[in-house]
Amino acid sequence: MNICFFGSSLVSSYWNGAATYYRGMLKEIAKLGHQITFYEPDAFERQAHRDIDDPVWAKVVVYPATPEGWKRALDDATRPADLLVKASGVGVFDAELEQAIAAASTEALRIYWDVDAPATLDAIAAEPRHHLREAIPRYDAVLTYGGGDPVVQAYRAAGARDCVPIYNALDPDTHHPAPPRGDFSSDLNLLANRLPDREARIEKFFIDAAARCPQRSFVIGGSGWHDKPMPANVRAVGHVGTADHNAFFGSARATLNVNRDSMAAYGFSPPTRVFEAAGAGACLITDQWDGIDLFLEPDREILVAADGAAVAAHLDALSPERARKIGERGRERILAHHTYRQRARQFNDLLEGMTTRTEAAE
Protein backbone atom coordinates (compact mmCIF):
# COMPACT_ATOMS: atom_id res chain seq x y z
CA MET A 1 0.00 0.00 0.00
CA ASN A 2 1.19 3.52 -0.84
CA ILE A 3 1.00 5.52 2.41
CA CYS A 4 1.38 9.32 2.30
CA PHE A 5 1.95 10.70 5.79
CA PHE A 6 1.78 14.38 6.81
CA GLY A 7 3.64 14.96 10.09
CA SER A 8 5.87 17.42 11.92
CA SER A 9 9.26 15.95 10.98
CA LEU A 10 10.79 12.55 10.39
CA VAL A 11 14.40 13.75 10.07
CA SER A 12 14.62 16.17 13.01
CA SER A 13 13.79 15.79 16.68
CA TYR A 14 14.29 19.53 17.26
CA TRP A 15 11.20 20.77 19.16
CA ASN A 16 9.60 17.57 17.88
CA GLY A 17 8.90 14.93 20.50
CA ALA A 18 7.02 12.76 18.00
CA ALA A 19 10.15 12.02 15.93
CA THR A 20 10.97 8.81 17.77
CA TYR A 21 7.41 7.55 17.38
CA TYR A 22 7.29 8.35 13.67
CA ARG A 23 10.63 6.68 13.02
CA GLY A 24 9.88 3.56 15.00
CA MET A 25 6.39 3.06 13.58
CA LEU A 26 7.08 3.88 9.95
CA LYS A 27 10.29 1.86 9.74
CA GLU A 28 8.44 -1.26 10.89
CA ILE A 29 5.38 -0.51 8.73
CA ALA A 30 7.69 -0.28 5.70
CA LYS A 31 9.15 -3.70 6.58
CA LEU A 32 5.66 -5.14 6.14
CA GLY A 33 5.75 -4.15 2.47
CA HIS A 34 4.19 -0.70 2.48
CA GLN A 35 5.68 2.30 0.64
CA ILE A 36 5.99 5.41 2.84
CA THR A 37 6.21 9.03 1.74
CA PHE A 38 6.55 11.47 4.63
CA TYR A 39 5.59 15.11 4.00
CA GLU A 40 6.97 17.66 6.44
CA PRO A 41 7.08 21.47 6.38
CA ASP A 42 10.27 23.52 6.34
CA ALA A 43 9.48 25.12 9.70
CA PHE A 44 10.85 25.81 13.20
CA GLU A 45 14.49 25.45 12.01
CA ARG A 46 14.08 21.67 12.02
CA GLN A 47 15.89 21.20 8.72
CA ALA A 48 18.87 23.06 10.18
CA HIS A 49 18.83 20.64 13.14
CA ARG A 50 18.43 17.32 11.34
CA ASP A 51 19.68 14.38 13.35
CA ILE A 52 19.20 11.65 10.73
CA ASP A 53 19.63 11.49 6.97
CA ASP A 54 16.64 10.60 4.81
CA PRO A 55 15.96 6.95 5.72
CA VAL A 56 16.02 4.15 3.16
CA TRP A 57 12.56 2.99 4.29
CA ALA A 58 10.72 6.25 3.53
CA LYS A 59 10.81 9.03 0.99
CA VAL A 60 10.93 12.43 2.71
CA VAL A 61 9.33 15.42 0.99
CA VAL A 62 10.05 18.80 2.61
CA TYR A 63 7.55 21.43 1.47
CA PRO A 64 7.59 25.22 2.01
CA ALA A 65 5.62 26.32 5.07
CA THR A 66 3.29 28.43 2.96
CA PRO A 67 -0.31 28.04 1.73
CA GLU A 68 1.00 27.20 -1.73
CA GLY A 69 3.50 24.76 -0.23
CA TRP A 70 1.05 22.56 1.64
CA LYS A 71 -1.46 22.63 -1.21
CA ARG A 72 1.15 21.41 -3.70
CA ALA A 73 2.29 18.74 -1.25
CA LEU A 74 -1.26 17.47 -0.75
CA ASP A 75 -1.89 17.44 -4.50
CA ASP A 76 1.33 15.47 -4.96
CA ALA A 77 0.27 12.98 -2.26
CA THR A 78 -3.38 12.53 -3.20
CA ARG A 79 -2.83 11.12 -6.68
CA PRO A 80 -0.75 8.02 -5.78
CA ALA A 81 -1.98 7.46 -2.21
CA ASP A 82 -3.85 4.36 -1.09
CA LEU A 83 -3.82 5.83 2.42
CA LEU A 84 -3.57 9.48 3.45
CA VAL A 85 -2.47 10.10 7.03
CA LYS A 86 -2.66 13.46 8.79
CA ALA A 87 -0.82 13.52 12.10
CA SER A 88 -1.68 16.09 14.71
CA GLY A 89 0.81 18.76 15.73
CA VAL A 90 2.50 19.48 12.40
CA GLY A 91 2.77 23.02 13.71
CA VAL A 92 1.82 24.97 10.57
CA PHE A 93 -1.44 24.82 8.60
CA ASP A 94 -2.78 21.96 10.73
CA ALA A 95 -6.42 23.00 10.44
CA GLU A 96 -6.13 23.57 6.71
CA LEU A 97 -4.55 20.16 6.08
CA GLU A 98 -6.97 18.35 8.37
CA GLN A 99 -9.97 19.83 6.58
CA ALA A 100 -8.50 19.42 3.10
CA ILE A 101 -7.63 15.74 3.59
CA ALA A 102 -11.09 15.07 5.04
CA ALA A 103 -12.71 16.69 1.99
CA ALA A 104 -10.28 15.46 -0.68
CA SER A 105 -11.75 13.84 -3.77
CA THR A 106 -9.94 10.53 -3.59
CA GLU A 107 -10.64 6.85 -3.09
CA ALA A 108 -7.72 6.61 -0.64
CA LEU A 109 -8.41 5.66 2.95
CA ARG A 110 -7.94 8.52 5.42
CA ILE A 111 -6.56 8.30 8.95
CA TYR A 112 -6.19 11.05 11.51
CA TRP A 113 -3.23 10.04 13.69
CA ASP A 114 -3.20 11.98 16.92
CA VAL A 115 0.16 12.13 18.68
CA ASP A 116 -1.27 14.20 21.55
CA ALA A 117 -4.89 13.12 21.86
CA PRO A 118 -5.52 14.58 25.34
CA ALA A 119 -4.52 18.06 24.17
CA THR A 120 -6.55 17.73 20.96
CA LEU A 121 -9.67 16.54 22.77
CA ASP A 122 -9.38 19.35 25.32
CA ALA A 123 -9.17 21.86 22.46
CA ILE A 124 -12.24 20.37 20.75
CA ALA A 125 -14.21 20.43 24.01
CA ALA A 126 -13.31 24.08 24.61
CA GLU A 127 -14.39 25.27 21.14
CA PRO A 128 -17.91 24.45 19.88
CA ARG A 129 -16.89 25.46 16.33
CA HIS A 130 -13.58 23.61 16.28
CA HIS A 131 -12.79 22.47 12.74
CA LEU A 132 -12.22 18.84 13.80
CA ARG A 133 -15.87 18.48 14.85
CA GLU A 134 -16.72 18.48 11.14
CA ALA A 135 -13.54 16.82 9.86
CA ILE A 136 -13.19 13.80 12.19
CA PRO A 137 -16.36 11.95 11.04
CA ARG A 138 -14.99 12.03 7.46
CA TYR A 139 -11.82 10.11 8.36
CA ASP A 140 -11.99 6.32 8.17
CA ALA A 141 -10.33 6.01 11.58
CA VAL A 142 -8.54 7.90 14.32
CA LEU A 143 -5.33 6.42 15.72
CA THR A 144 -3.69 7.76 18.85
CA TYR A 145 -0.37 7.11 20.53
CA GLY A 146 -1.96 7.01 23.94
CA GLY A 147 -5.07 7.66 25.96
CA GLY A 148 -6.75 4.31 26.43
CA ASP A 149 -10.51 4.00 26.85
CA PRO A 150 -11.07 7.64 27.96
CA VAL A 151 -9.63 8.87 24.65
CA VAL A 152 -11.43 6.22 22.58
CA GLN A 153 -14.80 7.15 24.07
CA ALA A 154 -14.15 10.88 23.67
CA TYR A 155 -13.23 10.50 20.00
CA ARG A 156 -16.26 8.33 19.30
CA ALA A 157 -18.41 10.98 20.95
CA ALA A 158 -16.81 13.49 18.57
CA GLY A 159 -17.99 11.41 15.61
CA ALA A 160 -15.01 9.16 14.88
CA ARG A 161 -15.96 6.03 12.96
CA ASP A 162 -13.33 4.17 14.97
CA CYS A 163 -10.56 5.09 17.40
CA VAL A 164 -7.65 2.79 18.22
CA PRO A 165 -4.67 3.56 20.49
CA ILE A 166 -1.34 2.48 18.99
CA TYR A 167 0.95 3.25 21.86
CA ASN A 168 4.49 4.50 21.90
CA ALA A 169 7.04 1.71 21.93
CA LEU A 170 10.72 0.80 21.64
CA ASP A 171 12.93 0.45 18.59
CA PRO A 172 15.71 -1.71 20.09
CA ASP A 173 18.00 -0.94 17.15
CA THR A 174 17.89 2.76 18.07
CA HIS A 175 17.54 2.81 21.85
CA HIS A 176 19.72 0.40 23.80
CA PRO A 177 22.27 0.45 26.64
CA ALA A 178 25.32 2.63 25.99
CA PRO A 179 28.39 3.68 27.99
CA PRO A 180 27.83 6.67 30.31
CA ARG A 181 29.23 10.11 29.54
CA GLY A 182 30.71 12.48 32.05
CA ASP A 183 28.87 15.55 30.73
CA PHE A 184 25.55 13.79 31.40
CA SER A 185 26.52 12.22 34.73
CA SER A 186 24.03 12.78 37.57
CA ASP A 187 21.89 11.17 40.24
CA LEU A 188 18.70 12.05 38.33
CA ASN A 189 18.12 13.33 34.82
CA LEU A 190 15.13 14.46 32.80
CA LEU A 191 14.77 14.95 29.05
CA ALA A 192 11.89 17.27 28.13
CA ASN A 193 11.40 20.44 26.13
CA ARG A 194 10.04 23.41 28.07
CA LEU A 195 6.33 23.63 27.25
CA PRO A 196 3.56 25.57 29.04
CA ASP A 197 1.47 22.50 29.91
CA ARG A 198 4.47 20.64 31.34
CA GLU A 199 6.50 23.31 33.13
CA ALA A 200 4.51 23.40 36.37
CA ARG A 201 4.72 19.60 36.71
CA ILE A 202 8.49 19.70 36.09
CA GLU A 203 8.76 22.31 38.82
CA LYS A 204 6.77 20.01 41.12
CA PHE A 205 8.58 16.76 40.39
CA PHE A 206 12.09 17.67 39.21
CA ILE A 207 13.04 21.12 40.44
CA ASP A 208 11.48 20.58 43.88
CA ALA A 209 13.28 17.23 44.21
CA ALA A 210 16.58 18.93 43.35
CA ALA A 211 15.95 21.60 45.98
CA ARG A 212 15.29 18.88 48.55
CA CYS A 213 18.53 17.05 47.69
CA PRO A 214 21.30 19.69 47.54
CA GLN A 215 23.92 16.97 47.97
CA ARG A 216 22.84 15.25 44.74
CA SER A 217 23.37 16.19 41.09
CA PHE A 218 20.61 16.71 38.54
CA VAL A 219 20.68 17.17 34.75
CA ILE A 220 17.86 18.48 32.55
CA GLY A 221 18.04 18.11 28.78
CA GLY A 222 15.78 19.69 26.19
CA SER A 223 15.16 23.06 24.61
CA GLY A 224 13.99 26.18 26.41
CA TRP A 225 15.49 25.76 29.89
CA HIS A 226 18.46 28.13 29.53
CA ASP A 227 16.72 31.02 31.33
CA LYS A 228 14.70 28.99 33.85
CA PRO A 229 15.79 29.58 37.49
CA MET A 230 17.14 26.29 38.86
CA PRO A 231 18.77 25.10 42.08
CA ALA A 232 22.58 25.19 41.97
CA ASN A 233 22.79 21.40 41.70
CA VAL A 234 20.89 21.31 38.37
CA ARG A 235 22.72 21.48 35.02
CA ALA A 236 20.73 22.36 31.89
CA VAL A 237 22.47 20.82 28.86
CA GLY A 238 20.11 22.06 26.11
CA HIS A 239 18.78 20.09 23.16
CA VAL A 240 19.92 16.46 23.18
CA GLY A 241 19.84 14.88 19.73
CA THR A 242 18.52 11.36 19.34
CA ALA A 243 22.05 10.02 18.70
CA ASP A 244 22.91 11.03 22.29
CA HIS A 245 19.77 9.72 24.02
CA ASN A 246 21.22 6.34 24.96
CA ALA A 247 24.25 7.93 26.61
CA PHE A 248 22.02 10.49 28.32
CA PHE A 249 19.77 7.83 29.87
CA GLY A 250 22.73 5.63 30.75
CA SER A 251 24.61 8.36 32.61
CA ALA A 252 22.32 8.86 35.62
CA ARG A 253 21.40 6.65 38.53
CA ALA A 254 17.73 7.25 37.59
CA THR A 255 15.73 8.98 34.86
CA LEU A 256 12.57 10.95 35.57
CA ASN A 257 9.48 10.96 33.35
CA VAL A 258 7.00 13.83 33.77
CA ASN A 259 3.83 13.74 31.69
CA ARG A 260 2.17 16.89 30.46
CA ASP A 261 -0.96 18.06 32.28
CA SER A 262 -3.46 16.69 29.77
CA MET A 263 -1.68 13.35 29.34
CA ALA A 264 -1.58 12.84 33.10
CA ALA A 265 -5.27 13.72 33.37
CA TYR A 266 -6.39 11.21 30.72
CA GLY A 267 -3.90 8.53 31.77
CA PHE A 268 -2.77 5.58 29.64
CA SER A 269 -0.38 7.92 27.80
CA PRO A 270 3.25 6.87 28.22
CA PRO A 271 5.44 9.26 26.21
CA THR A 272 8.22 8.11 23.91
CA ARG A 273 10.77 8.95 26.62
CA VAL A 274 9.52 6.07 28.81
CA PHE A 275 10.30 3.51 26.11
CA GLU A 276 13.55 5.18 25.04
CA ALA A 277 14.84 5.24 28.61
CA ALA A 278 13.69 1.68 29.32
CA GLY A 279 15.39 0.51 26.14
CA ALA A 280 18.62 2.09 27.35
CA GLY A 281 18.29 0.18 30.62
CA ALA A 282 17.60 3.26 32.75
CA CYS A 283 15.96 3.06 36.14
CA LEU A 284 12.75 5.02 35.59
CA ILE A 285 10.92 7.21 38.08
CA THR A 286 7.61 8.55 36.78
CA ASP A 287 4.93 10.91 37.94
CA GLN A 288 1.68 9.16 38.82
CA TRP A 289 -1.01 8.53 36.16
CA ASP A 290 -3.63 5.89 35.48
CA GLY A 291 -2.48 2.97 33.36
CA ILE A 292 1.21 2.80 34.28
CA ASP A 293 0.88 -0.88 35.14
CA LEU A 294 -0.33 -1.62 31.61
CA PHE A 295 3.27 -1.04 30.50
CA LEU A 296 5.58 -1.50 33.52
CA GLU A 297 5.11 -2.96 37.00
CA PRO A 298 5.43 -0.31 39.73
CA ASP A 299 8.18 -0.87 42.34
CA ARG A 300 9.68 -3.67 40.26
CA GLU A 301 10.14 -2.29 36.74
CA ILE A 302 9.47 1.40 37.41
CA LEU A 303 9.17 3.71 40.44
CA VAL A 304 6.13 5.96 40.82
CA ALA A 305 6.11 9.31 42.62
CA ALA A 306 3.26 11.61 43.66
CA ASP A 307 5.43 14.74 43.95
CA GLY A 308 8.98 16.04 44.35
CA ALA A 309 9.21 14.81 47.93
CA ALA A 310 8.45 11.27 46.75
CA VAL A 311 11.08 11.59 44.00
CA ALA A 312 13.63 12.66 46.60
CA ALA A 313 12.65 9.73 48.82
CA HIS A 314 13.14 7.30 45.93
CA LEU A 315 16.62 8.70 45.32
CA ASP A 316 17.53 8.31 49.01
CA ALA A 317 16.48 4.64 48.90
CA LEU A 318 18.00 3.86 45.50
CA SER A 319 21.31 2.05 45.64
CA PRO A 320 23.25 1.57 42.40
CA GLU A 321 22.47 -2.15 42.50
CA ARG A 322 18.71 -1.63 42.96
CA ALA A 323 18.68 0.96 40.18
CA ARG A 324 20.44 -1.48 37.86
CA LYS A 325 17.95 -4.27 38.59
CA ILE A 326 14.92 -2.03 38.05
CA GLY A 327 16.39 -0.87 34.75
CA GLU A 328 17.09 -4.42 33.61
CA ARG A 329 13.61 -5.65 34.49
CA GLY A 330 11.99 -2.66 32.78
CA ARG A 331 13.99 -3.25 29.61
CA GLU A 332 13.05 -6.94 29.56
CA ARG A 333 9.34 -6.09 29.88
CA ILE A 334 9.43 -3.51 27.08
CA LEU A 335 11.38 -5.80 24.74
CA ALA A 336 8.89 -8.59 25.34
CA HIS A 337 5.66 -6.62 24.91
CA HIS A 338 6.16 -3.08 23.63
CA THR A 339 8.28 -2.81 20.48
CA TYR A 340 7.43 -0.94 17.29
CA ARG A 341 7.48 -4.24 15.42
CA GLN A 342 4.52 -5.33 17.53
CA ARG A 343 2.79 -1.97 17.07
CA ALA A 344 3.28 -2.14 13.27
CA ARG A 345 1.59 -5.53 13.15
CA GLN A 346 -1.32 -4.04 15.08
CA PHE A 347 -1.51 -1.23 12.53
CA ASN A 348 -1.33 -3.68 9.62
CA ASP A 349 -4.17 -5.79 11.04
CA LEU A 350 -6.24 -2.63 11.45
CA LEU A 351 -5.47 -1.55 7.88
CA GLU A 352 -6.43 -4.95 6.47
CA GLY A 353 -9.73 -4.78 8.35
CA MET A 354 -10.44 -1.29 6.99
CA THR A 355 -9.64 -2.42 3.44
CA THR A 356 -11.87 -5.48 3.75
CA ARG A 357 -14.79 -3.38 5.02
CA THR A 358 -14.32 -0.88 2.17
CA GLU A 359 -14.26 -3.63 -0.46
CA ALA A 360 -17.35 -5.28 1.04
CA ALA A 361 -19.22 -1.98 0.91
CA GLU A 362 -18.52 -1.48 -2.82
Foldseek 3Di string as FASTA:
>chain_A
DEEEEEAQDCFFCAVNLCNLVCVQQQQLLLVVPYAYEYEAEPDPCRVVHGDDDPDPSYHYHYFHLDPVGVVVVVVVAQPPALEYEYEPDSPGCNLVVLQCVLPPDHNHAYEYEYACQLVVLVVCVVDVVDSVLVRQLSHQEYEYQWQPPVSQVSSVVSNHPGYYYLHAADDLVQAAADAADPVLAWQEEEEDADDPQFPVQCCWAPQLLCVVCVVTAYEYEEADCPPPDGPPRYHYPYHDTSNCLLNNLNRHLAYEDEDGPSCQVSFGHDRNNLNRSLRNLFAYEYEDHPPPVVQADDPQQHDYDPTNVRVNVCSVVRDSVSRNRSSVVSNVRRVVPGGSSVSSVVVVVVVVVSVVVVVVVD
